[in-house]
C-alpha atoms as a PDB file:
ATOM      1  CA  MET A   1      -0.152  -0.355  -0.223  1.00  0.00           C
ATOM      2  CA  PRO A   2       1.220   3.247  -1.144  1.00  0.00           C
ATOM      3  CA  ALA A   3       2.213   5.855   1.982  1.00  0.00           C
ATOM      4  CA  HIS A   4       0.290   8.296   1.288  1.00  0.00           C
ATOM      5  CA  ASP A   5      -2.714   5.500   1.234  1.00  0.00           C
ATOM      6  CA  ARG A   6      -1.572   4.328   4.343  1.00  0.00           C
ATOM      7  CA  ALA A   7      -1.559   7.710   5.959  1.00  0.00           C
ATOM      8  CA  GLN A   8      -5.155   8.230   5.156  1.00  0.00           C
ATOM      9  CA  ILE A   9      -6.046   5.202   7.330  1.00  0.00           C
ATOM     10  CA  SER A  10      -3.229   5.027   9.875  1.00  0.00           C
ATOM     11  CA  ASP A  11      -4.517   4.821  13.688  1.00  0.00           C
ATOM     12  CA  VAL A  12      -2.398   4.745  16.247  1.00  0.00           C
ATOM     13  CA  THR A  13      -1.865   6.652  19.560  1.00  0.00           C
ATOM     14  CA  VAL A  14       2.250   7.722  20.360  1.00  0.00           C
ATOM     15  CA  VAL A  15       2.786   7.979  23.993  1.00  0.00           C
ATOM     16  CA  VAL A  16       5.749   9.683  25.179  1.00  0.00           C
ATOM     17  CA  VAL A  17       6.477   9.768  29.218  1.00  0.00           C
ATOM     18  CA  ASN A  18       8.296  12.303  30.512  1.00  0.00           C
ATOM     19  CA  TRP A  19       9.835  13.115  34.499  1.00  0.00           C
ATOM     20  CA  ARG A  20      11.536  16.448  34.954  1.00  0.00           C
ATOM     21  CA  GLN A  21      13.348  15.680  31.180  1.00  0.00           C
ATOM     22  CA  ALA A  22      11.820  18.686  28.874  1.00  0.00           C
ATOM     23  CA  GLU A  23      14.657  19.039  26.902  1.00  0.00           C
ATOM     24  CA  LEU A  24      14.980  15.389  25.922  1.00  0.00           C
ATOM     25  CA  THR A  25      11.035  15.155  25.626  1.00  0.00           C
ATOM     26  CA  ALA A  26      11.296  18.255  23.270  1.00  0.00           C
ATOM     27  CA  ARG A  27      13.481  16.309  21.118  1.00  0.00           C
ATOM     28  CA  ALA A  28      11.219  13.380  21.025  1.00  0.00           C
ATOM     29  CA  LEU A  29       8.261  14.990  20.392  1.00  0.00           C
ATOM     30  CA  THR A  30      10.066  17.257  17.158  1.00  0.00           C
ATOM     31  CA  SER A  31      10.693  13.849  15.527  1.00  0.00           C
ATOM     32  CA  LEU A  32       7.251  13.123  16.032  1.00  0.00           C
ATOM     33  CA  ARG A  33       5.887  16.124  13.729  1.00  0.00           C
ATOM     34  CA  SER A  34       8.580  14.837  11.109  1.00  0.00           C
ATOM     35  CA  GLN A  35       6.533  11.125  10.787  1.00  0.00           C
ATOM     36  CA  THR A  36       5.060   9.815   7.227  1.00  0.00           C
ATOM     37  CA  ILE A  37       1.910   8.288   8.927  1.00  0.00           C
ATOM     38  CA  SER A  38      -0.549  11.030  10.382  1.00  0.00           C
ATOM     39  CA  HIS A  39      -0.919   9.739  14.634  1.00  0.00           C
ATOM     40  CA  ARG A  40      -2.217  11.206  17.772  1.00  0.00           C
ATOM     41  CA  VAL A  41       0.365  12.289  20.690  1.00  0.00           C
ATOM     42  CA  LEU A  42      -0.353  11.587  24.294  1.00  0.00           C
ATOM     43  CA  LEU A  43       2.514  13.091  26.858  1.00  0.00           C
ATOM     44  CA  VAL A  44       2.402  11.051  30.410  1.00  0.00           C
ATOM     45  CA  ASP A  45       3.861  13.583  32.709  1.00  0.00           C
ATOM     46  CA  ASN A  46       4.732  12.076  35.963  1.00  0.00           C
ATOM     47  CA  ALA A  47       4.290  14.703  38.093  1.00  0.00           C
ATOM     48  CA  SER A  48       7.398  16.502  36.980  1.00  0.00           C
ATOM     49  CA  GLY A  49       6.577  19.704  39.225  1.00  0.00           C
ATOM     50  CA  ASP A  50       9.299  21.060  37.968  1.00  0.00           C
ATOM     51  CA  GLY A  51       7.397  23.438  35.046  1.00  0.00           C
ATOM     52  CA  SER A  52       8.381  20.999  32.324  1.00  0.00           C
ATOM     53  CA  VAL A  53       5.214  20.089  31.703  1.00  0.00           C
ATOM     54  CA  ASP A  54       3.802  23.700  30.769  1.00  0.00           C
ATOM     55  CA  SER A  55       6.987  24.591  28.581  1.00  0.00           C
ATOM     56  CA  LEU A  56       5.964  21.321  26.459  1.00  0.00           C
ATOM     57  CA  ALA A  57       2.240  21.705  26.122  1.00  0.00           C
ATOM     58  CA  ALA A  58       3.099  25.476  25.054  1.00  0.00           C
ATOM     59  CA  GLY A  59       5.668  24.643  22.655  1.00  0.00           C
ATOM     60  CA  PHE A  60       3.789  21.051  21.028  1.00  0.00           C
ATOM     61  CA  PRO A  61       0.360  22.651  21.149  1.00  0.00           C
ATOM     62  CA  GLU A  62      -0.924  19.653  19.056  1.00  0.00           C
ATOM     63  CA  VAL A  63       0.448  17.139  22.028  1.00  0.00           C
ATOM     64  CA  GLU A  64      -3.020  15.571  24.212  1.00  0.00           C
ATOM     65  CA  VAL A  65      -1.362  15.978  27.900  1.00  0.00           C
ATOM     66  CA  LEU A  66      -2.261  13.345  31.011  1.00  0.00           C
ATOM     67  CA  GLU A  67      -0.850  14.849  33.892  1.00  0.00           C
ATOM     68  CA  LEU A  68      -0.744  12.531  37.319  1.00  0.00           C
ATOM     69  CA  PRO A  69      -0.735  13.599  40.490  1.00  0.00           C
ATOM     70  CA  GLU A  70       2.158  11.375  41.353  1.00  0.00           C
ATOM     71  CA  ASN A  71       5.580   9.804  40.143  1.00  0.00           C
ATOM     72  CA  VAL A  72       4.470   6.450  39.123  1.00  0.00           C
ATOM     73  CA  GLY A  73       7.236   5.170  36.787  1.00  0.00           C
ATOM     74  CA  PHE A  74       7.132   4.230  33.316  1.00  0.00           C
ATOM     75  CA  ALA A  75       5.144   1.417  33.594  1.00  0.00           C
ATOM     76  CA  GLY A  76       2.886   3.488  35.207  1.00  0.00           C
ATOM     77  CA  GLY A  77       2.890   5.882  33.059  1.00  0.00           C
ATOM     78  CA  MET A  78       2.015   3.670  30.430  1.00  0.00           C
ATOM     79  CA  ALA A  79      -1.031   1.965  32.192  1.00  0.00           C
ATOM     80  CA  ALA A  80      -2.563   5.254  32.626  1.00  0.00           C
ATOM     81  CA  ALA A  81      -2.122   6.287  28.884  1.00  0.00           C
ATOM     82  CA  LEU A  82      -3.469   2.657  27.708  1.00  0.00           C
ATOM     83  CA  ALA A  83      -6.780   3.396  29.481  1.00  0.00           C
ATOM     84  CA  ARG A  84      -6.857   6.609  27.231  1.00  0.00           C
ATOM     85  CA  VAL A  85      -6.019   4.770  23.914  1.00  0.00           C
ATOM     86  CA  ASP A  86      -8.929   4.058  21.931  1.00  0.00           C
ATOM     87  CA  THR A  87      -6.999   3.426  18.105  1.00  0.00           C
ATOM     88  CA  ARG A  88      -6.143   0.517  16.772  1.00  0.00           C
ATOM     89  CA  PHE A  89      -2.449   0.633  17.491  1.00  0.00           C
ATOM     90  CA  VAL A  90      -0.617   2.328  20.655  1.00  0.00           C
ATOM     91  CA  ALA A  91       3.081   3.087  19.882  1.00  0.00           C
ATOM     92  CA  LEU A  92       5.580   3.819  22.484  1.00  0.00           C
ATOM     93  CA  LEU A  93       8.357   6.279  22.405  1.00  0.00           C
ATOM     94  CA  ASN A  94      11.216   6.929  25.083  1.00  0.00           C
ATOM     95  CA  ASN A  95      11.500  10.330  26.059  1.00  0.00           C
ATOM     96  CA  ASP A  96      15.332  10.094  25.266  1.00  0.00           C
ATOM     97  CA  ALA A  97      14.700   9.179  21.883  1.00  0.00           C
ATOM     98  CA  VAL A  98      14.591   9.750  18.134  1.00  0.00           C
ATOM     99  CA  ALA A  99      12.627   9.064  15.945  1.00  0.00           C
ATOM    100  CA  GLU A 100      13.444   8.603  12.555  1.00  0.00           C
ATOM    101  CA  PRO A 101      10.690   9.860   9.590  1.00  0.00           C
ATOM    102  CA  GLY A 102       9.733   6.158   8.804  1.00  0.00           C
ATOM    103  CA  TRP A 103       9.357   4.825  12.392  1.00  0.00           C
ATOM    104  CA  LEU A 104       6.071   4.310  12.200  1.00  0.00           C
ATOM    105  CA  GLU A 105       4.696   3.390   8.984  1.00  0.00           C
ATOM    106  CA  HIS A 106       7.307   0.825   8.908  1.00  0.00           C
ATOM    107  CA  SER A 107       5.813  -0.738  11.643  1.00  0.00           C
ATOM    108  CA  LEU A 108       2.689  -0.334  10.853  1.00  0.00           C
ATOM    109  CA  ALA A 109       3.037  -2.349   7.775  1.00  0.00           C
ATOM    110  CA  ALA A 110       4.560  -4.614   9.855  1.00  0.00           C
ATOM    111  CA  LEU A 111       0.983  -5.271  11.935  1.00  0.00           C
ATOM    112  CA  GLU A 112      -0.760  -5.911   8.925  1.00  0.00           C
ATOM    113  CA  ASP A 113       0.380  -9.145   9.432  1.00  0.00           C
ATOM    114  CA  PRO A 114      -2.973  -9.960  11.369  1.00  0.00           C
ATOM    115  CA  THR A 115      -0.637 -12.602  13.568  1.00  0.00           C
ATOM    116  CA  VAL A 116       1.638  -9.831  14.757  1.00  0.00           C
ATOM    117  CA  ALA A 117       0.819  -8.305  17.883  1.00  0.00           C
ATOM    118  CA  ALA A 118       4.030  -6.205  18.229  1.00  0.00           C
ATOM    119  CA  ALA A 119       7.016  -4.595  15.947  1.00  0.00           C
ATOM    120  CA  SER A 120      10.017  -2.867  17.956  1.00  0.00           C
ATOM    121  CA  ALA A 121      11.927  -0.955  16.386  1.00  0.00           C
ATOM    122  CA  LYS A 122      15.866  -0.788  15.436  1.00  0.00           C
ATOM    123  CA  LEU A 123      17.146   1.104  18.463  1.00  0.00           C
ATOM    124  CA  LEU A 124      20.341   2.782  17.779  1.00  0.00           C
ATOM    125  CA  LEU A 125      22.812   4.270  20.599  1.00  0.00           C
ATOM    126  CA  ASP A 126      22.946   7.765  20.233  1.00  0.00           C
ATOM    127  CA  ASP A 127      26.426   8.543  22.206  1.00  0.00           C
ATOM    128  CA  GLY A 128      28.430  10.410  19.867  1.00  0.00           C
ATOM    129  CA  ALA A 129      30.173   7.429  18.493  1.00  0.00           C
ATOM    130  CA  PRO A 130      31.301   7.613  14.591  1.00  0.00           C
ATOM    131  CA  GLU A 131      30.063   4.114  13.302  1.00  0.00           C
ATOM    132  CA  ARG A 132      26.079   3.424  13.852  1.00  0.00           C
ATOM    133  CA  ARG A 133      26.103   0.982  16.942  1.00  0.00           C
ATOM    134  CA  ILE A 134      22.851  -1.472  18.041  1.00  0.00           C
ATOM    135  CA  ASN A 135      21.423  -0.632  21.608  1.00  0.00           C
ATOM    136  CA  ASN A 136      17.789  -2.905  20.855  1.00  0.00           C
ATOM    137  CA  ALA A 137      17.038  -4.891  17.471  1.00  0.00           C
ATOM    138  CA  GLY A 138      14.521  -6.762  19.777  1.00  0.00           C
ATOM    139  CA  VAL A 139      14.180  -8.466  23.440  1.00  0.00           C
ATOM    140  CA  VAL A 140      15.383 -11.927  23.880  1.00  0.00           C
ATOM    141  CA  LEU A 141      15.686 -14.457  26.655  1.00  0.00           C
ATOM    142  CA  LEU A 142      19.005 -15.586  27.979  1.00  0.00           C
ATOM    143  CA  GLU A 143      20.306 -18.725  28.960  1.00  0.00           C
ATOM    144  CA  THR A 144      19.277 -17.321  32.620  1.00  0.00           C
ATOM    145  CA  GLY A 145      15.592 -16.776  31.802  1.00  0.00           C
ATOM    146  CA  TYR A 146      16.312 -12.906  32.019  1.00  0.00           C
ATOM    147  CA  GLY A 147      14.726 -10.481  29.420  1.00  0.00           C
ATOM    148  CA  ALA A 148      18.010  -8.518  27.780  1.00  0.00           C
ATOM    149  CA  ASP A 149      18.937  -6.514  24.265  1.00  0.00           C
ATOM    150  CA  ARG A 150      19.145  -8.298  21.548  1.00  0.00           C
ATOM    151  CA  GLY A 151      22.367  -6.831  20.132  1.00  0.00           C
ATOM    152  CA  LEU A 152      23.276  -4.388  22.953  1.00  0.00           C
ATOM    153  CA  GLY A 153      26.601  -2.324  21.393  1.00  0.00           C
ATOM    154  CA  GLU A 154      27.426  -4.398  18.262  1.00  0.00           C
ATOM    155  CA  PRO A 155      27.457  -2.963  15.273  1.00  0.00           C
ATOM    156  CA  ASP A 156      24.996  -1.901  13.155  1.00  0.00           C
ATOM    157  CA  ASP A 157      25.682  -4.387  10.114  1.00  0.00           C
ATOM    158  CA  GLU A 158      24.082  -7.243   8.162  1.00  0.00           C
ATOM    159  CA  ARG A 159      23.033  -9.423  11.174  1.00  0.00           C
ATOM    160  CA  PHE A 160      20.580  -6.590  12.214  1.00  0.00           C
ATOM    161  CA  ALA A 161      19.278  -5.696   8.724  1.00  0.00           C
ATOM    162  CA  ALA A 162      16.541  -8.502   8.183  1.00  0.00           C
ATOM    163  CA  PRO A 163      12.822  -8.300   9.857  1.00  0.00           C
ATOM    164  CA  VAL A 164      12.417 -11.058  12.100  1.00  0.00           C
ATOM    165  CA  GLU A 165      10.650 -13.145  15.271  1.00  0.00           C
ATOM    166  CA  VAL A 166      12.032 -12.263  18.576  1.00  0.00           C
ATOM    167  CA  PHE A 167      10.709 -12.901  22.227  1.00  0.00           C
ATOM    168  CA  GLY A 168       9.534  -9.525  22.714  1.00  0.00           C
ATOM    169  CA  PHE A 169       9.769  -6.109  21.867  1.00  0.00           C
ATOM    170  CA  SER A 170      11.634  -2.973  23.416  1.00  0.00           C
ATOM    171  CA  GLY A 171       9.641  -0.431  25.372  1.00  0.00           C
ATOM    172  CA  GLY A 172      12.356   2.344  23.667  1.00  0.00           C
ATOM    173  CA  ALA A 173      10.393   2.060  20.899  1.00  0.00           C
ATOM    174  CA  ALA A 174       7.631   0.071  19.651  1.00  0.00           C
ATOM    175  CA  VAL A 175       3.828  -0.366  18.030  1.00  0.00           C
ATOM    176  CA  LEU A 176       1.552  -2.587  19.789  1.00  0.00           C
ATOM    177  CA  ARG A 177      -1.684  -3.773  18.967  1.00  0.00           C
ATOM    178  CA  THR A 178      -4.082  -1.886  21.374  1.00  0.00           C
ATOM    179  CA  LEU A 179      -6.941  -4.649  21.890  1.00  0.00           C
ATOM    180  CA  ALA A 180      -4.144  -7.337  22.151  1.00  0.00           C
ATOM    181  CA  VAL A 181      -2.330  -5.489  25.253  1.00  0.00           C
ATOM    182  CA  LYS A 182      -5.368  -4.751  26.588  1.00  0.00           C
ATOM    183  CA  ALA A 183      -6.548  -8.382  26.077  1.00  0.00           C
ATOM    184  CA  VAL A 184      -3.608  -9.561  28.155  1.00  0.00           C
ATOM    185  CA  GLY A 185      -3.865  -7.071  30.863  1.00  0.00           C
ATOM    186  CA  GLY A 186      -1.485  -3.920  29.850  1.00  0.00           C
ATOM    187  CA  PHE A 187       1.209  -2.459  31.530  1.00  0.00           C
ATOM    188  CA  ASP A 188       1.785  -3.395  35.059  1.00  0.00           C
ATOM    189  CA  PRO A 189       2.083  -0.162  36.720  1.00  0.00           C
ATOM    190  CA  SER A 190       3.492  -2.274  40.259  1.00  0.00           C
ATOM    191  CA  LEU A 191       6.650  -3.018  38.169  1.00  0.00           C
ATOM    192  CA  PHE A 192       7.184   0.980  37.999  1.00  0.00           C
ATOM    193  CA  MET A 193       9.964   0.394  36.011  1.00  0.00           C
ATOM    194  CA  TYR A 194      12.333  -1.462  33.663  1.00  0.00           C
ATOM    195  CA  TYR A 195      11.267  -4.998  32.410  1.00  0.00           C
ATOM    196  CA  GLU A 196       7.568  -3.640  31.908  1.00  0.00           C
ATOM    197  CA  ASP A 197       7.960  -4.797  28.168  1.00  0.00           C
ATOM    198  CA  THR A 198       9.529  -8.244  28.604  1.00  0.00           C
ATOM    199  CA  ASP A 199       6.753  -8.776  31.461  1.00  0.00           C
ATOM    200  CA  LEU A 200       3.971  -7.950  28.732  1.00  0.00           C
ATOM    201  CA  SER A 201       6.207  -9.589  25.727  1.00  0.00           C
ATOM    202  CA  TRP A 202       5.714 -12.962  28.145  1.00  0.00           C
ATOM    203  CA  ARG A 203       1.984 -12.390  27.882  1.00  0.00           C
ATOM    204  CA  LEU A 204       1.618 -11.578  24.183  1.00  0.00           C
ATOM    205  CA  ARG A 205       3.361 -14.972  23.726  1.00  0.00           C
ATOM    206  CA  LEU A 206       1.392 -16.392  26.087  1.00  0.00           C
ATOM    207  CA  ALA A 207      -0.934 -15.654  24.523  1.00  0.00           C
ATOM    208  CA  GLY A 208      -0.511 -17.020  21.140  1.00  0.00           C
ATOM    209  CA  TRP A 209       0.827 -13.875  19.535  1.00  0.00           C
ATOM    210  CA  ARG A 210       3.840 -13.168  18.070  1.00  0.00           C
ATOM    211  CA  ILE A 211       6.857  -9.675  18.337  1.00  0.00           C
ATOM    212  CA  VAL A 212       9.003  -8.832  15.578  1.00  0.00           C
ATOM    213  CA  TYR A 213      12.136  -6.848  14.772  1.00  0.00           C
ATOM    214  CA  VAL A 214      11.695  -4.007  12.013  1.00  0.00           C
ATOM    215  CA  PRO A 215      15.100  -2.923  10.873  1.00  0.00           C
ATOM    216  CA  GLN A 216      13.394  -0.279   8.694  1.00  0.00           C
ATOM    217  CA  ALA A 217      12.231   1.395  11.996  1.00  0.00           C
ATOM    218  CA  VAL A 218      15.038   2.777  13.031  1.00  0.00           C
ATOM    219  CA  VAL A 219      15.337   5.198  16.348  1.00  0.00           C
ATOM    220  CA  HIS A 220      18.446   6.937  17.878  1.00  0.00           C
ATOM    221  CA  HIS A 221      18.457   6.153  21.684  1.00  0.00           C
ATOM    222  CA  ARG A 222      20.339   8.175  24.284  1.00  0.00           C
ATOM    223  CA  HIS A 223      20.512   5.224  26.418  1.00  0.00           C
ATOM    224  CA  ALA A 224      20.168   5.840  29.868  1.00  0.00           C
ATOM    225  CA  ALA A 225      19.585   9.694  29.289  1.00  0.00           C
ATOM    226  CA  SER A 226      17.006   9.686  31.505  1.00  0.00           C
ATOM    227  CA  SER A 227      17.639   6.921  33.838  1.00  0.00           C
ATOM    228  CA  ASP A 228      21.009   6.160  36.012  1.00  0.00           C
ATOM    229  CA  GLN A 229      21.586   2.971  35.530  1.00  0.00           C
ATOM    230  CA  ARG A 230      24.316   3.483  38.746  1.00  0.00           C
ATOM    231  CA  SER A 231      21.813   4.171  40.871  1.00  0.00           C
ATOM    232  CA  ARG A 232      20.355   2.207  43.949  1.00  0.00           C
ATOM    233  CA  MET A 233      16.656   2.161  42.624  1.00  0.00           C
ATOM    234  CA  PHE A 234      17.910   1.045  39.333  1.00  0.00           C
ATOM    235  CA  ALA A 235      19.444  -1.504  40.545  1.00  0.00           C
ATOM    236  CA  PHE A 236      16.504  -2.535  43.149  1.00  0.00           C
ATOM    237  CA  HIS A 237      14.404  -2.574  40.171  1.00  0.00           C
ATOM    238  CA  THR A 238      16.049  -4.600  37.661  1.00  0.00           C
ATOM    239  CA  GLU A 239      16.784  -7.254  40.252  1.00  0.00           C
ATOM    240  CA  ARG A 240      12.772  -7.472  41.727  1.00  0.00           C
ATOM    241  CA  ASN A 241      11.352  -7.250  38.437  1.00  0.00           C
ATOM    242  CA  ARG A 242      13.549  -9.753  37.040  1.00  0.00           C
ATOM    243  CA  LEU A 243      12.836 -12.749  39.689  1.00  0.00           C
ATOM    244  CA  LEU A 244       9.459 -11.787  39.634  1.00  0.00           C
ATOM    245  CA  LEU A 245       8.576 -11.899  36.142  1.00  0.00           C
ATOM    246  CA  LEU A 246      10.534 -15.326  36.239  1.00  0.00           C
ATOM    247  CA  ALA A 247       8.404 -16.192  39.704  1.00  0.00           C
ATOM    248  CA  ARG A 248       5.135 -15.656  37.229  1.00  0.00           C
ATOM    249  CA  HIS A 249       6.153 -16.631  33.580  1.00  0.00           C
ATOM    250  CA  ALA A 250       8.968 -19.344  34.183  1.00  0.00           C
ATOM    251  CA  PRO A 251       8.605 -23.066  34.629  1.00  0.00           C
ATOM    252  CA  LEU A 252       8.483 -23.043  38.622  1.00  0.00           C
ATOM    253  CA  PRO A 253      11.016 -25.190  38.584  1.00  0.00           C
ATOM    254  CA  TYR A 254      12.892 -22.936  36.811  1.00  0.00           C
ATOM    255  CA  ALA A 255      11.949 -20.009  38.701  1.00  0.00           C
ATOM    256  CA  VAL A 256      12.575 -21.913  42.034  1.00  0.00           C
ATOM    257  CA  GLY A 257      16.285 -22.306  40.595  1.00  0.00           C
ATOM    258  CA  ALA A 258      16.889 -18.785  40.014  1.00  0.00           C
ATOM    259  CA  GLY A 259      15.588 -17.554  43.461  1.00  0.00           C
ATOM    260  CA  ALA A 260      17.898 -20.537  46.030  1.00  0.00           C
ATOM    261  CA  ARG A 261      21.165 -19.054  43.098  1.00  0.00           C
ATOM    262  CA  PHE A 262      20.044 -14.957  44.204  1.00  0.00           C
ATOM    263  CA  LEU A 263      20.080 -16.035  47.699  1.00  0.00           C
ATOM    264  CA  LEU A 264      23.431 -18.324  47.890  1.00  0.00           C
ATOM    265  CA  THR A 265      24.560 -15.131  45.882  1.00  0.00           C
ATOM    266  CA  THR A 266      23.513 -12.860  48.582  1.00  0.00           C
ATOM    267  CA  ALA A 267      25.055 -14.846  50.995  1.00  0.00           C
ATOM    268  CA  SER A 268      27.703 -15.279  49.695  1.00  0.00           C
ATOM    269  CA  LEU A 269      28.592 -12.016  49.481  1.00  0.00           C
ATOM    270  CA  ALA A 270      27.878 -10.727  52.975  1.00  0.00           C
ATOM    271  CA  ALA A 271      30.252 -13.586  53.904  1.00  0.00           C
ATOM    272  CA  LYS A 272      32.807 -11.677  51.964  1.00  0.00           C
ATOM    273  CA  ARG A 273      32.150  -8.411  52.960  1.00  0.00           C
ATOM    274  CA  VAL A 274      31.911  -9.943  56.788  1.00  0.00           C
ATOM    275  CA  ALA A 275      35.318 -11.106  55.833  1.00  0.00           C
ATOM    276  CA  GLY A 276      36.763  -8.347  54.334  1.00  0.00           C
ATOM    277  CA  VAL A 277      37.027  -9.577  51.153  1.00  0.00           C
ATOM    278  CA  ASP A 278      37.143  -7.079  48.228  1.00  0.00           C
ATOM    279  CA  VAL A 279      33.652  -7.254  46.134  1.00  0.00           C
ATOM    280  CA  PRO A 280      32.663  -5.074  43.167  1.00  0.00           C
ATOM    281  CA  ASP A 281      31.099  -1.498  44.057  1.00  0.00           C
ATOM    282  CA  GLU A 282      28.430  -1.920  41.838  1.00  0.00           C
ATOM    283  CA  GLN A 283      24.970  -1.425  43.543  1.00  0.00           C
ATOM    284  CA  VAL A 284      24.123  -5.218  42.450  1.00  0.00           C
ATOM    285  CA  PHE A 285      26.792  -6.294  44.823  1.00  0.00           C
ATOM    286  CA  ASP A 286      25.452  -5.134  48.065  1.00  0.00           C
ATOM    287  CA  PRO A 287      24.257  -7.863  50.421  1.00  0.00           C
ATOM    288  CA  ARG A 288      21.732  -4.698  51.933  1.00  0.00           C
ATOM    289  CA  LEU A 289      20.385  -4.268  48.248  1.00  0.00           C
ATOM    290  CA  ARG A 290      19.609  -7.926  47.425  1.00  0.00           C
ATOM    291  CA  LEU A 291      17.852  -8.781  50.786  1.00  0.00           C
ATOM    292  CA  GLN A 292      15.446  -5.569  50.654  1.00  0.00           C
ATOM    293  CA  VAL A 293      14.899  -6.693  46.732  1.00  0.00           C
ATOM    294  CA  THR A 294      14.479 -10.852  48.406  1.00  0.00           C
ATOM    295  CA  ALA A 295      11.873  -8.768  50.928  1.00  0.00           C
ATOM    296  CA  ALA A 296      10.151  -7.215  48.435  1.00  0.00           C
ATOM    297  CA  VAL A 297       9.962 -10.649  45.993  1.00  0.00           C
ATOM    298  CA  ALA A 298       8.608 -12.428  49.353  1.00  0.00           C
ATOM    299  CA  ARG A 299       5.800  -9.828  49.925  1.00  0.00           C
ATOM    300  CA  ARG A 300       4.464 -10.293  46.404  1.00  0.00           C
ATOM    301  CA  LEU A 301       5.136 -14.211  46.041  1.00  0.00           C
ATOM    302  CA  PRO A 302       1.482 -15.209  46.906  1.00  0.00           C
ATOM    303  CA  GLY A 303      -0.263 -13.556  44.450  1.00  0.00           C
ATOM    304  CA  THR A 304       2.157 -13.772  42.017  1.00  0.00           C
ATOM    305  CA  LEU A 305       1.806 -18.071  42.471  1.00  0.00           C
ATOM    306  CA  ALA A 306      -1.814 -17.861  42.820  1.00  0.00           C
ATOM    307  CA  ALA A 307      -1.932 -15.719  39.703  1.00  0.00           C
ATOM    308  CA  ARG A 308      -0.234 -18.417  38.084  1.00  0.00           C
ATOM    309  CA  ARG A 309      -2.184 -21.155  38.902  1.00  0.00           C
ATOM    310  CA  ARG A 310      -5.565 -19.106  37.804  1.00  0.00           C
ATOM    311  CA  ALA A 311      -3.906 -18.204  34.494  1.00  0.00           C
ATOM    312  CA  ALA A 312      -5.863 -20.441  31.273  1.00  0.00           C
ATOM    313  CA  ASP A 313      -2.106 -20.357  29.904  1.00  0.00           C
ATOM    314  CA  ARG A 314       0.086 -21.338  32.234  1.00  0.00           C
ATOM    315  CA  ALA A 315       0.058 -24.761  30.244  1.00  0.00           C
ATOM    316  CA  GLU A 316       2.116 -23.125  27.654  1.00  0.00           C
ATOM    317  CA  ARG A 317       5.077 -21.465  29.994  1.00  0.00           C
ATOM    318  CA  GLY A 318       6.792 -24.473  29.483  1.00  0.00           C
ATOM    319  CA  GLY A 319       7.116 -24.350  25.319  1.00  0.00           C
ATOM    320  CA  VAL A 320       7.218 -20.396  25.477  1.00  0.00           C
ATOM    321  CA  HIS A 321      10.545 -20.782  28.167  1.00  0.00           C
ATOM    322  CA  ARG A 322      11.498 -23.732  25.627  1.00  0.00           C
ATOM    323  CA  ARG A 323      11.242 -21.948  22.532  1.00  0.00           C
ATOM    324  CA  TRP A 324      13.113 -18.854  23.452  1.00  0.00           C
ATOM    325  CA  ARG A 325      15.028 -19.077  25.932  1.00  0.00           C
ATOM    326  CA  GLY A 326      19.167 -18.253  24.890  1.00  0.00           C
ATOM    327  CA  ARG A 327      17.332 -18.092  21.812  1.00  0.00           C
ATOM    328  CA  ASP A 328      18.501 -14.606  19.556  1.00  0.00           C
ATOM    329  CA  HIS A 329      16.118 -14.923  17.331  1.00  0.00           C
ATOM    330  CA  GLU A 330      13.677 -16.868  14.223  1.00  0.00           C
ATOM    331  CA  PRO A 331      14.318 -16.930  10.453  1.00  0.00           C
ATOM    332  CA  ALA A 332      13.408 -13.748   8.597  1.00  0.00           C
ATOM    333  CA  LEU A 333       9.567 -13.330   8.186  1.00  0.00           C
ATOM    334  CA  GLY A 334       8.081 -14.912   5.432  1.00  0.00           C
ATOM    335  CA  ALA A 335      11.245 -17.121   4.685  1.00  0.00           C
END
């Protein structure tokens, strides 16, 4: 279908979540003005309280603004936005990302396949390096069962030039089928930030949907520009959410094993600290933080296990896990 015809019937809402990042967010919104597909933009402000939402609303009058009364993180912001979305498709664009003009058009073309629920962009690192390097070319499941960026740090070469099926989409830049997302429960606001895309990818997979990587849908991302990956908050939410996702979605013996390894590592790190043995300075190696993570997971474990037992798709977990754990991608679409 020619681009101008598809633009006539496009039905997509782009959601951008902001928290005290007016300058970055303005770059993202400016890039949306150049898209070749007509679209609606919904800006979610996470109670910034610094005047950024007012300046953005003034500079981008075409943008609808949803001001939240408190900071509910990226996951909570997307959950609040989804309740306002009535278009066939909903797109996510990080506020520290800039989309090339064809991002939406190429993503929507992939979603013309009725079996596809999510089209994940080619996210390139916007770090000033002379060569193009991958930030994310879809989400993979590592051997550990954790989600990870496919291709992170790799050159943008022929390995990432073809559309392929991947386990999951990246919340940095993706276009999703709205009804599919709502049917599986949408974004989980309790995750607050990090791994909300992997969680939703799991649920889409368990419901039988496919997820694809679209290399022509290019977005440039200032990786971690809107968050500090050295912070205690980053370490807490990544470790907690990784374990919660295994408890929710992975085969139970595998999830139990991962939890046991986390506890053993925590005990080992604590023993080394007591013995005066040097351990890395990163927050993730701090036994106190790891105990906080353990307590947070334990509080939510009864509800998580109850949800597992109620889920109609529980028999599919083993199949999805076996199919995708340790696998980079599946053959090119149509091959």
